[in-house]
C-alpha atoms as a PDB file:
ATOM      1  CA  MET A   1      30.584   7.251  -4.920  1.00  0.00           C
ATOM      2  CA  SER A   2      28.412   4.342  -5.408  1.00  0.00           C
ATOM      3  CA  ALA A   3      26.001   5.068  -2.826  1.00  0.00           C
ATOM      4  CA  ARG A   4      25.658   8.609  -3.906  1.00  0.00           C
ATOM      5  CA  ILE A   5      25.113   7.619  -7.484  1.00  0.00           C
ATOM      6  CA  VAL A   6      22.520   4.695  -6.825  1.00  0.00           C
ATOM      7  CA  ALA A   7      20.299   6.838  -4.560  1.00  0.00           C
ATOM      8  CA  GLN A   8      20.311   9.076  -7.505  1.00  0.00           C
ATOM      9  CA  ALA A   9      19.262   6.814  -9.710  1.00  0.00           C
ATOM     10  CA  ILE A  10      16.429   5.396  -7.571  1.00  0.00           C
ATOM     11  CA  ASP A  11      15.149   8.747  -7.137  1.00  0.00           C
ATOM     12  CA  SER A  12      15.037   9.343 -10.960  1.00  0.00           C
ATOM     13  CA  LEU A  13      13.516   6.246 -11.408  1.00  0.00           C
ATOM     14  CA  ARG A  14      10.461   7.101  -9.033  1.00  0.00           C
ATOM     15  CA  ARG A  15      10.527  10.820 -10.612  1.00  0.00           C
ATOM     16  CA  GLY A  16       9.851   9.220 -14.211  1.00  0.00           C
ATOM     17  CA  TRP A  17      13.283  10.017 -15.442  1.00  0.00           C
ATOM     18  CA  PRO A  18      15.562   8.106 -17.259  1.00  0.00           C
ATOM     19  CA  VAL A  19      18.818   6.648 -16.302  1.00  0.00           C
ATOM     20  CA  ALA A  20      21.575   4.981 -18.311  1.00  0.00           C
ATOM     21  CA  ILE A  21      23.762   1.775 -17.286  1.00  0.00           C
ATOM     22  CA  ARG A  22      27.032   1.556 -18.786  1.00  0.00           C
ATOM     23  CA  THR A  23      29.432  -1.389 -18.994  1.00  0.00           C
ATOM     24  CA  ASP A  24      32.255  -2.595 -21.244  1.00  0.00           C
ATOM     25  CA  HIS A  25      29.776  -3.793 -24.288  1.00  0.00           C
ATOM     26  CA  GLY A  26      28.045   0.001 -24.450  1.00  0.00           C
ATOM     27  CA  ALA A  27      25.623   1.733 -22.657  1.00  0.00           C
ATOM     28  CA  LEU A  28      21.583   1.171 -22.196  1.00  0.00           C
ATOM     29  CA  ALA A  29      19.424   3.835 -21.346  1.00  0.00           C
ATOM     30  CA  VAL A  30      16.207   3.140 -19.411  1.00  0.00           C
ATOM     31  CA  LEU A  31      12.847   4.672 -18.575  1.00  0.00           C
ATOM     32  CA  ALA A  32      10.465   2.755 -16.220  1.00  0.00           C
ATOM     33  CA  ILE A  33       7.345   2.375 -17.146  1.00  0.00           C
ATOM     34  CA  GLU A  34       5.590   2.320 -13.671  1.00  0.00           C
ATOM     35  CA  THR A  35       6.227   6.428 -13.314  1.00  0.00           C
ATOM     36  CA  GLY A  36       6.443   7.204 -16.897  1.00  0.00           C
ATOM     37  CA  ASP A  37       3.872   8.285 -19.228  1.00  0.00           C
ATOM     38  CA  PRO A  38       3.125   8.946 -22.878  1.00  0.00           C
ATOM     39  CA  LYS A  39       4.758  12.368 -22.981  1.00  0.00           C
ATOM     40  CA  ARG A  40       7.899  10.800 -21.000  1.00  0.00           C
ATOM     41  CA  LEU A  41       8.278   8.458 -23.605  1.00  0.00           C
ATOM     42  CA  ALA A  42       8.005  10.466 -26.660  1.00  0.00           C
ATOM     43  CA  ALA A  43      11.115  12.447 -24.824  1.00  0.00           C
ATOM     44  CA  PHE A  44      13.009   9.553 -24.217  1.00  0.00           C
ATOM     45  CA  ASP A  45      12.405   7.488 -27.737  1.00  0.00           C
ATOM     46  CA  PRO A  46      11.073  10.044 -30.562  1.00  0.00           C
ATOM     47  CA  ASP A  47      11.951   7.575 -32.799  1.00  0.00           C
ATOM     48  CA  GLY A  48       9.384   4.732 -31.109  1.00  0.00           C
ATOM     49  CA  THR A  49      12.071   2.242 -31.428  1.00  0.00           C
ATOM     50  CA  ALA A  50      13.149   1.457 -27.942  1.00  0.00           C
ATOM     51  CA  THR A  51      12.203  -1.916 -26.734  1.00  0.00           C
ATOM     52  CA  VAL A  52      10.500  -3.099 -23.461  1.00  0.00           C
ATOM     53  CA  LEU A  53      12.594  -4.817 -21.093  1.00  0.00           C
ATOM     54  CA  LEU A  54      10.887  -7.588 -18.631  1.00  0.00           C
ATOM     55  CA  SER A  55      11.926  -9.578 -15.610  1.00  0.00           C
ATOM     56  CA  SER A  56      12.394 -13.452 -16.314  1.00  0.00           C
ATOM     57  CA  GLY A  57       9.453 -13.968 -13.727  1.00  0.00           C
ATOM     58  CA  ARG A  58       7.190 -11.465 -15.154  1.00  0.00           C
ATOM     59  CA  ALA A  59       7.941 -12.426 -18.603  1.00  0.00           C
ATOM     60  CA  ALA A  60       7.425 -16.463 -17.947  1.00  0.00           C
ATOM     61  CA  THR A  61       4.084 -15.248 -16.621  1.00  0.00           C
ATOM     62  CA  LEU A  62       3.129 -13.674 -19.838  1.00  0.00           C
ATOM     63  CA  LYS A  63       4.388 -17.008 -21.598  1.00  0.00           C
ATOM     64  CA  LEU A  64       6.877 -14.738 -23.335  1.00  0.00           C
ATOM     65  CA  SER A  65       9.782 -16.451 -21.975  1.00  0.00           C
ATOM     66  CA  ASN A  66       9.767 -19.612 -23.865  1.00  0.00           C
ATOM     67  CA  GLN A  67      11.406 -18.265 -27.142  1.00  0.00           C
ATOM     68  CA  ALA A  68      14.912 -19.585 -28.429  1.00  0.00           C
ATOM     69  CA  PRO A  69      16.771 -15.779 -27.834  1.00  0.00           C
ATOM     70  CA  ALA A  70      14.828 -15.381 -24.087  1.00  0.00           C
ATOM     71  CA  ALA A  71      15.250 -19.045 -22.771  1.00  0.00           C
ATOM     72  CA  ALA A  72      18.333 -18.456 -20.542  1.00  0.00           C
ATOM     73  CA  PRO A  73      16.798 -18.901 -16.788  1.00  0.00           C
ATOM     74  CA  ASP A  74      16.748 -15.430 -14.451  1.00  0.00           C
ATOM     75  CA  CYS A  75      17.510 -13.654 -17.479  1.00  0.00           C
ATOM     76  CA  PRO A  76      15.692 -10.394 -18.768  1.00  0.00           C
ATOM     77  CA  VAL A  77      13.970 -10.832 -21.610  1.00  0.00           C
ATOM     78  CA  MET A  78      13.640  -8.170 -24.316  1.00  0.00           C
ATOM     79  CA  LEU A  79      10.734  -7.521 -26.349  1.00  0.00           C
ATOM     80  CA  GLU A  80      10.535  -6.377 -29.820  1.00  0.00           C
ATOM     81  CA  ARG A  81       9.168  -3.148 -30.321  1.00  0.00           C
ATOM     82  CA  ALA A  82       6.097  -3.183 -32.704  1.00  0.00           C
ATOM     83  CA  PRO A  83       3.500  -0.432 -33.924  1.00  0.00           C
ATOM     84  CA  TRP A  84       0.910  -2.021 -31.079  1.00  0.00           C
ATOM     85  CA  LEU A  85       3.254  -1.926 -28.071  1.00  0.00           C
ATOM     86  CA  ASP A  86       2.519   1.770 -27.271  1.00  0.00           C
ATOM     87  CA  PHE A  87       2.804   3.064 -23.635  1.00  0.00           C
ATOM     88  CA  ASP A  88      -0.654   1.426 -22.580  1.00  0.00           C
ATOM     89  CA  ALA A  89       0.620  -1.890 -24.048  1.00  0.00           C
ATOM     90  CA  ALA A  90       3.800  -1.520 -22.007  1.00  0.00           C
ATOM     91  CA  THR A  91       2.062  -0.791 -18.910  1.00  0.00           C
ATOM     92  CA  ALA A  92      -0.249  -3.809 -19.182  1.00  0.00           C
ATOM     93  CA  LEU A  93       2.806  -6.112 -19.780  1.00  0.00           C
ATOM     94  CA  ALA A  94       4.624  -4.479 -16.888  1.00  0.00           C
ATOM     95  CA  ASP A  95       1.551  -4.539 -14.125  1.00  0.00           C
ATOM     96  CA  PRO A  96      -0.183  -7.761 -13.280  1.00  0.00           C
ATOM     97  CA  GLN A  97      -3.291  -5.995 -12.025  1.00  0.00           C
ATOM     98  CA  PHE A  98      -4.235  -5.219 -15.641  1.00  0.00           C
ATOM     99  CA  ASP A  99      -3.573  -9.314 -16.781  1.00  0.00           C
ATOM    100  CA  LEU A 100      -7.336 -10.362 -16.176  1.00  0.00           C
ATOM    101  CA  LEU A 101      -8.827  -6.583 -17.719  1.00  0.00           C
ATOM    102  CA  THR A 102      -6.704  -5.790 -20.715  1.00  0.00           C
ATOM    103  CA  PRO A 103      -6.890  -7.924 -23.957  1.00  0.00           C
ATOM    104  CA  TRP A 104      -3.442  -8.636 -25.509  1.00  0.00           C
ATOM    105  CA  LYS A 105      -2.717  -7.011 -28.710  1.00  0.00           C
ATOM    106  CA  GLY A 106       0.483  -8.422 -29.396  1.00  0.00           C
ATOM    107  CA  PRO A 107       1.986 -11.044 -30.851  1.00  0.00           C
ATOM    108  CA  TYR A 108       4.898 -10.328 -28.519  1.00  0.00           C
ATOM    109  CA  ARG A 109       8.252 -11.400 -29.887  1.00  0.00           C
ATOM    110  CA  ALA A 110      11.437 -11.897 -27.440  1.00  0.00           C
ATOM    111  CA  ILE A 111      14.680 -10.680 -29.186  1.00  0.00           C
ATOM    112  CA  GLU A 112      18.084 -11.348 -28.219  1.00  0.00           C
ATOM    113  CA  MET A 113      19.906  -8.345 -26.028  1.00  0.00           C
ATOM    114  CA  ALA A 114      23.199  -6.983 -26.890  1.00  0.00           C
ATOM    115  CA  ASP A 115      23.986  -6.338 -23.224  1.00  0.00           C
ATOM    116  CA  ARG A 116      22.249  -8.979 -20.914  1.00  0.00           C
ATOM    117  CA  ILE A 117      24.881  -7.466 -17.973  1.00  0.00           C
ATOM    118  CA  ALA A 118      22.969  -3.838 -18.397  1.00  0.00           C
ATOM    119  CA  ALA A 119      19.795  -5.387 -18.388  1.00  0.00           C
ATOM    120  CA  ALA A 120      20.199  -7.645 -15.029  1.00  0.00           C
ATOM    121  CA  ALA A 121      21.134  -4.575 -13.350  1.00  0.00           C
ATOM    122  CA  ALA A 122      18.000  -2.580 -14.646  1.00  0.00           C
ATOM    123  CA  ILE A 123      16.199  -5.248 -13.188  1.00  0.00           C
ATOM    124  CA  ARG A 124      18.415  -5.227  -9.832  1.00  0.00           C
ATOM    125  CA  LEU A 125      17.930  -1.398  -9.625  1.00  0.00           C
ATOM    126  CA  ALA A 126      14.025  -1.318 -10.006  1.00  0.00           C
ATOM    127  CA  THR A 127      14.102  -3.876  -7.010  1.00  0.00           C
ATOM    128  CA  LEU A 128      16.167  -1.767  -5.020  1.00  0.00           C
ATOM    129  CA  ALA A 129      13.725   1.451  -5.921  1.00  0.00           C
ATOM    130  CA  GLY A 130      10.991  -0.875  -4.904  1.00  0.00           C
ATOM    131  CA  MET A 131       9.319  -0.481  -8.477  1.00  0.00           C
ATOM    132  CA  LEU A 132       7.788  -2.624 -10.792  1.00  0.00           C
ATOM    133  CA  PRO A 133      11.021  -4.387 -12.662  1.00  0.00           C
ATOM    134  CA  ALA A 134       9.926  -3.218 -16.500  1.00  0.00           C
ATOM    135  CA  PHE A 135      11.479  -0.366 -18.861  1.00  0.00           C
ATOM    136  CA  PHE A 136      11.377   0.938 -22.204  1.00  0.00           C
ATOM    137  CA  VAL A 137      15.517   0.954 -23.069  1.00  0.00           C
ATOM    138  CA  LYS A 138      17.561   1.801 -26.166  1.00  0.00           C
ATOM    139  CA  PRO A 139      21.139   1.759 -26.908  1.00  0.00           C
ATOM    140  CA  GLY A 140      22.824   4.711 -25.351  1.00  0.00           C
ATOM    141  CA  ASP A 141      24.203   6.772 -22.507  1.00  0.00           C
ATOM    142  CA  ASP A 142      22.204  10.064 -22.943  1.00  0.00           C
ATOM    143  CA  ALA A 143      20.278  10.506 -19.895  1.00  0.00           C
ATOM    144  CA  ALA A 144      21.419  12.936 -17.178  1.00  0.00           C
ATOM    145  CA  LEU A 145      22.986   9.967 -14.640  1.00  0.00           C
ATOM    146  CA  ILE A 146      24.907   7.202 -15.610  1.00  0.00           C
ATOM    147  CA  LEU A 147      25.844   4.701 -13.520  1.00  0.00           C
ATOM    148  CA  SER A 148      27.321   1.155 -13.962  1.00  0.00           C
ATOM    149  CA  PRO A 149      26.510  -2.759 -12.325  1.00  0.00           C
ATOM    150  CA  ASP A 150      29.212  -2.347 -10.114  1.00  0.00           C
ATOM    151  CA  ASP A 151      27.784   0.951  -8.185  1.00  0.00           C
ATOM    152  CA  ILE A 152      24.144  -1.476  -7.927  1.00  0.00           C
ATOM    153  CA  ASP A 153      26.341  -4.554  -6.425  1.00  0.00           C
ATOM    154  CA  ASP A 154      28.338  -1.898  -4.137  1.00  0.00           C
ATOM    155  CA  HIS A 155      24.853  -0.574  -2.757  1.00  0.00           C
ATOM    156  CA  GLU A 156      23.996  -3.918  -2.120  1.00  0.00           C
ATOM    157  CA  ASP A 157      27.208  -4.802  -0.149  1.00  0.00           C
ATOM    158  CA  ALA A 158      26.640  -4.914   3.814  1.00  0.00           C
ATOM    159  CA  GLN A 159      30.179  -4.289   4.763  1.00  0.00           C
ATOM    160  CA  ARG A 160      29.526  -0.382   5.354  1.00  0.00           C
ATOM    161  CA  LEU A 161      27.434  -0.994   7.648  1.00  0.00           C
ATOM    162  CA  THR A 162      28.158   0.651  11.263  1.00  0.00           C
ATOM    163  CA  ILE A 163      26.379   1.119  14.828  1.00  0.00           C
ATOM    164  CA  ALA A 164      25.077   4.685  14.963  1.00  0.00           C
ATOM    165  CA  ALA A 165      23.556   4.613  18.452  1.00  0.00           C
ATOM    166  CA  ARG A 166      22.336   2.681  21.232  1.00  0.00           C
ATOM    167  CA  ALA A 167      19.733   2.958  24.080  1.00  0.00           C
ATOM    168  CA  HIS A 168      18.193   1.544  27.096  1.00  0.00           C
ATOM    169  CA  LEU A 169      14.541   0.373  25.547  1.00  0.00           C
ATOM    170  CA  PRO A 170      12.103  -1.514  27.775  1.00  0.00           C
ATOM    171  CA  VAL A 171       9.855  -3.356  25.810  1.00  0.00           C
ATOM    172  CA  ALA A 172       6.797  -5.523  26.543  1.00  0.00           C
ATOM    173  CA  GLY A 173       7.956  -9.004  27.421  1.00  0.00           C
ATOM    174  CA  ALA A 174      11.498  -7.620  27.759  1.00  0.00           C
ATOM    175  CA  GLU A 175      11.797  -4.538  30.176  1.00  0.00           C
ATOM    176  CA  SER A 176      15.847  -4.908  30.300  1.00  0.00           C
ATOM    177  CA  ALA A 177      16.026  -4.542  26.347  1.00  0.00           C
ATOM    178  CA  GLU A 178      18.577  -2.462  24.686  1.00  0.00           C
ATOM    179  CA  ILE A 179      18.171  -0.993  21.015  1.00  0.00           C
ATOM    180  CA  VAL A 180      21.121  -0.472  18.692  1.00  0.00           C
ATOM    181  CA  ALA A 181      20.610   1.132  15.369  1.00  0.00           C
ATOM    182  CA  PHE A 182      22.907   0.429  12.416  1.00  0.00           C
ATOM    183  CA  ARG A 183      23.114   2.943   9.439  1.00  0.00           C
ATOM    184  CA  THR A 184      24.436   2.227   5.642  1.00  0.00           C
ATOM    185  CA  PRO A 185      25.361   4.899   3.281  1.00  0.00           C
ATOM    186  CA  GLU A 186      23.716   2.975   0.801  1.00  0.00           C
ATOM    187  CA  MET A 187      20.139   2.686   2.512  1.00  0.00           C
ATOM    188  CA  PRO A 188      17.632   5.371   3.515  1.00  0.00           C
ATOM    189  CA  GLY A 189      16.167   2.917   6.465  1.00  0.00           C
ATOM    190  CA  GLU A 190      18.043   1.991   9.531  1.00  0.00           C
ATOM    191  CA  HIS A 191      18.425  -1.730  10.922  1.00  0.00           C
ATOM    192  CA  VAL A 192      17.780  -2.276  14.347  1.00  0.00           C
ATOM    193  CA  ALA A 193      18.859  -4.745  16.875  1.00  0.00           C
ATOM    194  CA  LEU A 194      17.132  -5.244  20.246  1.00  0.00           C
ATOM    195  CA  MET A 195      19.206  -6.704  22.833  1.00  0.00           C
ATOM    196  CA  ILE A 196      17.429  -8.549  25.505  1.00  0.00           C
ATOM    197  CA  GLY A 197      18.999 -10.045  28.346  1.00  0.00           C
ATOM    198  CA  ALA A 198      23.301  -9.945  29.316  1.00  0.00           C
ATOM    199  CA  PRO A 199      25.334 -12.174  27.384  1.00  0.00           C
ATOM    200  CA  ASN A 200      26.094 -15.089  29.489  1.00  0.00           C
ATOM    201  CA  GLY A 201      28.919 -16.960  27.192  1.00  0.00           C
ATOM    202  CA  ALA A 202      26.410 -18.606  25.732  1.00  0.00           C
ATOM    203  CA  PRO A 203      25.388 -18.393  21.878  1.00  0.00           C
ATOM    204  CA  PRO A 204      22.483 -16.212  22.282  1.00  0.00           C
ATOM    205  CA  LEU A 205      19.075 -17.170  20.813  1.00  0.00           C
ATOM    206  CA  VAL A 206      18.865 -14.966  17.822  1.00  0.00           C
ATOM    207  CA  ARG A 207      15.804 -14.036  15.598  1.00  0.00           C
ATOM    208  CA  LEU A 208      15.835 -12.329  12.157  1.00  0.00           C
ATOM    209  CA  HIS A 209      12.812 -10.426  11.441  1.00  0.00           C
ATOM    210  CA  SER A 210      12.082  -8.309   8.245  1.00  0.00           C
ATOM    211  CA  GLU A 211       9.999  -5.533   8.700  1.00  0.00           C
ATOM    212  CA  CYS A 212       6.452  -6.105   7.847  1.00  0.00           C
ATOM    213  CA  LEU A 213       4.228  -2.472   8.557  1.00  0.00           C
ATOM    214  CA  THR A 214       0.869  -4.218   8.042  1.00  0.00           C
ATOM    215  CA  GLY A 215       1.732  -7.031  10.354  1.00  0.00           C
ATOM    216  CA  ASP A 216       3.697  -5.438  13.078  1.00  0.00           C
ATOM    217  CA  VAL A 217       2.132  -2.050  13.262  1.00  0.00           C
ATOM    218  CA  LEU A 218      -1.697  -2.447  11.818  1.00  0.00           C
ATOM    219  CA  GLY A 219      -2.014  -6.005  13.158  1.00  0.00           C
ATOM    220  CA  SER A 220      -2.746  -7.576   9.918  1.00  0.00           C
ATOM    221  CA  LEU A 221      -4.335 -11.298   9.737  1.00  0.00           C
ATOM    222  CA  LYS A 222      -3.020 -12.098   6.117  1.00  0.00           C
ATOM    223  CA  CYS A 223       0.374 -12.810   7.794  1.00  0.00           C
ATOM    224  CA  ASP A 224       1.685 -14.378  11.012  1.00  0.00           C
ATOM    225  CA  CYS A 225       4.835 -11.371  11.137  1.00  0.00           C
ATOM    226  CA  GLY A 226       2.807  -9.590  14.205  1.00  0.00           C
ATOM    227  CA  PRO A 227       2.192 -12.758  16.432  1.00  0.00           C
ATOM    228  CA  GLN A 228       5.932 -13.757  15.435  1.00  0.00           C
ATOM    229  CA  LEU A 229       7.304 -10.474  16.501  1.00  0.00           C
ATOM    230  CA  ASP A 230       6.114 -11.043  19.736  1.00  0.00           C
ATOM    231  CA  ALA A 231       6.798 -14.471  20.243  1.00  0.00           C
ATOM    232  CA  ALA A 232      10.327 -13.866  19.343  1.00  0.00           C
ATOM    233  CA  ILE A 233      10.734 -11.232  22.022  1.00  0.00           C
ATOM    234  CA  THR A 234       9.176 -13.538  24.657  1.00  0.00           C
ATOM    235  CA  ALA A 235      11.289 -16.450  23.697  1.00  0.00           C
ATOM    236  CA  ILE A 236      14.330 -14.668  23.658  1.00  0.00           C
ATOM    237  CA  ALA A 237      13.335 -13.213  26.992  1.00  0.00           C
ATOM    238  CA  ALA A 238      12.882 -16.934  28.912  1.00  0.00           C
ATOM    239  CA  SER A 239      15.986 -18.336  27.283  1.00  0.00           C
ATOM    240  CA  GLY A 240      17.994 -15.932  29.432  1.00  0.00           C
ATOM    241  CA  TRP A 241      19.854 -13.506  26.728  1.00  0.00           C
ATOM    242  CA  GLY A 242      19.668 -13.138  22.633  1.00  0.00           C
ATOM    243  CA  ILE A 243      18.983 -10.729  20.122  1.00  0.00           C
ATOM    244  CA  LEU A 244      16.075  -9.590  17.864  1.00  0.00           C
ATOM    245  CA  LEU A 245      17.665  -8.169  14.238  1.00  0.00           C
ATOM    246  CA  TYR A 246      14.591  -5.900  12.672  1.00  0.00           C
ATOM    247  CA  LEU A 247      15.549  -6.022   9.177  1.00  0.00           C
ATOM    248  CA  ARG A 248      14.437  -2.799   6.433  1.00  0.00           C
ATOM    249  CA  GLN A 249      13.410  -5.655   3.827  1.00  0.00           C
ATOM    250  CA  GLU A 250       9.782  -5.188   3.466  1.00  0.00           C
ATOM    251  CA  GLY A 251       7.689  -7.592   1.337  1.00  0.00           C
ATOM    252  CA  ARG A 252      10.496  -9.994   1.514  1.00  0.00           C
ATOM    253  CA  GLY A 253      12.601  -7.236  -0.095  1.00  0.00           C
ATOM    254  CA  ILE A 254      10.239  -5.990  -2.581  1.00  0.00           C
ATOM    255  CA  GLY A 255       9.114  -3.016  -0.681  1.00  0.00           C
ATOM    256  CA  LEU A 256       5.527  -1.966   0.695  1.00  0.00           C
ATOM    257  CA  ILE A 257       3.843  -0.877  -2.666  1.00  0.00           C
ATOM    258  CA  ASN A 258       4.842  -4.087  -4.394  1.00  0.00           C
ATOM    259  CA  LYS A 259       3.675  -6.077  -1.296  1.00  0.00           C
ATOM    260  CA  LEU A 260       0.175  -4.182  -1.637  1.00  0.00           C
ATOM    261  CA  ARG A 261      -0.008  -5.458  -5.086  1.00  0.00           C
ATOM    262  CA  ALA A 262       1.259  -8.608  -4.251  1.00  0.00           C
ATOM    263  CA  TYR A 263      -1.947  -9.011  -1.595  1.00  0.00           C
ATOM    264  CA  ALA A 264      -4.232  -7.439  -4.615  1.00  0.00           C
ATOM    265  CA  LEU A 265      -3.155 -10.659  -6.721  1.00  0.00           C
ATOM    266  CA  GLN A 266      -3.722 -12.662  -3.621  1.00  0.00           C
ATOM    267  CA  ASP A 267      -7.512 -11.484  -3.563  1.00  0.00           C
ATOM    268  CA  GLN A 268      -7.753 -12.759  -7.349  1.00  0.00           C
ATOM    269  CA  GLY A 269      -6.628 -16.270  -6.097  1.00  0.00           C
ATOM    270  CA  PHE A 270      -3.200 -16.352  -6.484  1.00  0.00           C
ATOM    271  CA  ASP A 271      -0.609 -17.502  -3.581  1.00  0.00           C
ATOM    272  CA  THR A 272       2.041 -15.519  -2.135  1.00  0.00           C
ATOM    273  CA  VAL A 273       4.939 -17.342  -4.399  1.00  0.00           C
ATOM    274  CA  ASP A 274       2.685 -16.660  -8.016  1.00  0.00           C
ATOM    275  CA  ALA A 275       2.059 -13.197  -6.669  1.00  0.00           C
ATOM    276  CA  ASN A 276       5.592 -12.336  -6.589  1.00  0.00           C
ATOM    277  CA  THR A 277       6.351 -13.869  -9.929  1.00  0.00           C
ATOM    278  CA  ARG A 278       3.646 -12.159 -11.371  1.00  0.00           C
ATOM    279  CA  LEU A 279       4.485  -8.884 -10.475  1.00  0.00           C
ATOM    280  CA  GLY A 280       8.401  -9.893 -11.710  1.00  0.00           C
ATOM    281  CA  PHE A 281      10.414 -10.486  -8.791  1.00  0.00           C
ATOM    282  CA  ALA A 282      11.860 -13.451  -7.051  1.00  0.00           C
ATOM    283  CA  VAL A 283       9.864 -15.342  -4.679  1.00  0.00           C
ATOM    284  CA  ASP A 284      12.260 -14.425  -2.054  1.00  0.00           C
ATOM    285  CA  SER A 285      14.176 -11.049  -2.679  1.00  0.00           C
ATOM    286  CA  ARG A 286      15.758 -10.825   0.787  1.00  0.00           C
ATOM    287  CA  ASP A 287      19.612 -10.599   1.471  1.00  0.00           C
ATOM    288  CA  PHE A 288      20.438 -12.089   4.944  1.00  0.00           C
ATOM    289  CA  ARG A 289      24.006 -11.126   4.517  1.00  0.00           C
ATOM    290  CA  VAL A 290      23.450  -7.673   6.527  1.00  0.00           C
ATOM    291  CA  ALA A 291      22.116  -9.425   9.448  1.00  0.00           C
ATOM    292  CA  ALA A 292      25.397 -11.314   9.691  1.00  0.00           C
ATOM    293  CA  HIS A 293      27.001  -7.999   9.537  1.00  0.00           C
ATOM    294  CA  MET A 294      25.080  -6.946  12.537  1.00  0.00           C
ATOM    295  CA  LEU A 295      25.913  -9.876  14.255  1.00  0.00           C
ATOM    296  CA  LYS A 296      29.405  -9.586  13.969  1.00  0.00           C
ATOM    297  CA  LEU A 297      29.427  -5.689  14.967  1.00  0.00           C
ATOM    298  CA  LEU A 298      27.628  -7.233  17.890  1.00  0.00           C
ATOM    299  CA  GLY A 299      30.285  -9.530  18.492  1.00  0.00           C
ATOM    300  CA  GLN A 300      28.465 -12.517  17.806  1.00  0.00           C
ATOM    301  CA  ARG A 301      29.626 -14.852  15.349  1.00  0.00           C
ATOM    302  CA  SER A 302      27.832 -18.277  16.599  1.00  0.00           C
ATOM    303  CA  VAL A 303      24.217 -18.379  17.294  1.00  0.00           C
ATOM    304  CA  ARG A 304      21.161 -20.383  18.023  1.00  0.00           C
ATOM    305  CA  LEU A 305      18.756 -19.422  15.161  1.00  0.00           C
ATOM    306  CA  LEU A 306      14.763 -19.240  16.183  1.00  0.00           C
ATOM    307  CA  THR A 307      13.365 -19.581  12.391  1.00  0.00           C
ATOM    308  CA  ASN A 308      11.467 -22.020  10.375  1.00  0.00           C
ATOM    309  CA  ASN A 309      13.555 -20.739   7.107  1.00  0.00           C
ATOM    310  CA  PRO A 310      16.654 -23.338   6.344  1.00  0.00           C
ATOM    311  CA  GLU A 311      17.363 -20.631   3.797  1.00  0.00           C
ATOM    312  CA  LYS A 312      18.056 -17.811   6.648  1.00  0.00           C
ATOM    313  CA  VAL A 313      20.173 -20.569   8.139  1.00  0.00           C
ATOM    314  CA  ALA A 314      22.314 -20.935   5.072  1.00  0.00           C
ATOM    315  CA  GLN A 315      22.963 -17.220   4.021  1.00  0.00           C
ATOM    316  CA  LEU A 316      24.214 -16.752   7.848  1.00  0.00           C
ATOM    317  CA  GLU A 317      26.310 -19.731   7.748  1.00  0.00           C
ATOM    318  CA  ALA A 318      27.780 -18.175   4.324  1.00  0.00           C
ATOM    319  CA  ALA A 319      28.464 -15.180   5.784  1.00  0.00           C
ATOM    320  CA  GLY A 320      30.515 -16.514   8.632  1.00  0.00           C
ATOM    321  CA  ILE A 321      27.781 -17.113  11.321  1.00  0.00           C
ATOM    322  CA  THR A 322      27.825 -20.568  12.898  1.00  0.00           C
ATOM    323  CA  VAL A 323      23.975 -21.699  13.556  1.00  0.00           C
ATOM    324  CA  ILE A 324      24.734 -24.633  16.166  1.00  0.00           C
ATOM    325  CA  GLU A 325      20.822 -25.185  16.426  1.00  0.00           C
ATOM    326  CA  ARG A 326      17.530 -23.901  14.259  1.00  0.00           C
ATOM    327  CA  VAL A 327      14.739 -23.200  16.866  1.00  0.00           C
ATOM    328  CA  PRO A 328      11.520 -23.859  15.412  1.00  0.00           C
ATOM    329  CA  HIS A 329       9.049 -20.755  15.799  1.00  0.00           C
ATOM    330  CA  LYS A 330       5.700 -22.067  15.163  1.00  0.00           C
ATOM    331  CA  LEU A 331       2.533 -20.127  15.779  1.00  0.00           C
ATOM    332  CA  PRO A 332      -1.247 -21.179  15.532  1.00  0.00           C
ATOM    333  CA  ALA A 333      -3.062 -20.176  11.718  1.00  0.00           C
ATOM    334  CA  ASN A 334      -5.958 -18.034  11.927  1.00  0.00           C
ATOM    335  CA  PRO A 335      -8.720 -18.146   8.620  1.00  0.00           C
ATOM    336  CA  HIS A 336      -7.085 -15.349   6.933  1.00  0.00           C
ATOM    337  CA  ASN A 337      -3.388 -16.895   6.826  1.00  0.00           C
ATOM    338  CA  GLU A 338      -3.864 -20.557   6.742  1.00  0.00           C
ATOM    339  CA  ARG A 339      -3.247 -20.595   2.758  1.00  0.00           C
ATOM    340  CA  TYR A 340      -0.173 -18.309   3.196  1.00  0.00           C
ATOM    341  CA  LEU A 341       1.534 -20.132   5.711  1.00  0.00           C
ATOM    342  CA  ALA A 342       0.766 -23.699   3.842  1.00  0.00           C
ATOM    343  CA  THR A 343       2.078 -22.020   0.984  1.00  0.00           C
ATOM    344  CA  LYS A 344       5.483 -21.076   2.846  1.00  0.00           C
ATOM    345  CA  ARG A 345       5.543 -24.853   4.026  1.00  0.00           C
ATOM    346  CA  ASP A 346       4.828 -26.370   0.502  1.00  0.00           C
ATOM    347  CA  ARG A 347       6.714 -24.090  -1.717  1.00  0.00           C
ATOM    348  CA  THR A 348       8.994 -21.914   0.174  1.00  0.00           C
ATOM    349  CA  GLY A 349      10.792 -24.673   2.171  1.00  0.00           C
ATOM    350  CA  HIS A 350       9.611 -23.606   5.676  1.00  0.00           C
ATOM    351  CA  GLU A 351       9.763 -26.178   8.321  1.00  0.00           C
ATOM    352  CA  PHE A 352       7.029 -26.066  10.773  1.00  0.00           C
END
């Protein structure tokens, strides 16, 4: 039931329909600012009293989280409704593309929220939907669709992942490869494993590669994803045997649209870390527990990991996969991604 209701909630948010999140403390109805409009807001909140909910990262960017009621780290921030906080003003608060274009109306005041659990669940739901984490909210459960934080937590559980199909797939650099597709009821996209070579009793060389349409398919020079993918296949083939896991976590887990928004912010001068936080997301929203479960389904619990990211090692080991060696995966920079790679080294702990 959780998978179905979360999928319905995501669809509702994308269509501009409100949903409600119910907890032991009551219920909170939410209307996504990104897909709303003044008419939908008026129908959702005819009295004009709905408050605005922002993620902690976005509120910090706007200097709205330094007030006592909103001082809890990582806690969403609720803004008091004021006469000047109409739909256009809320859109400017939610979408950082307007930060340098829109004069602030304000002042805005952060207020104590009655149900932080429901508020945090709403922010998680926005991330799953690939939408800006910003809502008009009001108490009550008069929305057509009602779900709980547990539904959202269950949606993020990798344990229901299963192998759906597998076939021989010769690829450039590894003509003896086999592709294995994984499916879970919670997600519309399928994760994939590329099995390269034959198991030989030794721990496989494994690469966790997160989907990157711009880099993997279009050849973007803004990141190193496409070259990393090609180099990983070559390295695994040279090692004798191993596995490339292709994970559907575009844009470090925030989705393609938000990744492109982050690119636009980078064009304004922000680095990849600050772009993500200005959007209201974590620096990295990926969850590598799904990769650990894929490896278990493939019968592998001990691996050599091809990565520069210690967080991948930590998450795999926390999920029951032994990483016996971290193998560096370094490629040369180009003029378009030099700053991006330096940011990964200096601000996100990558070890090159």
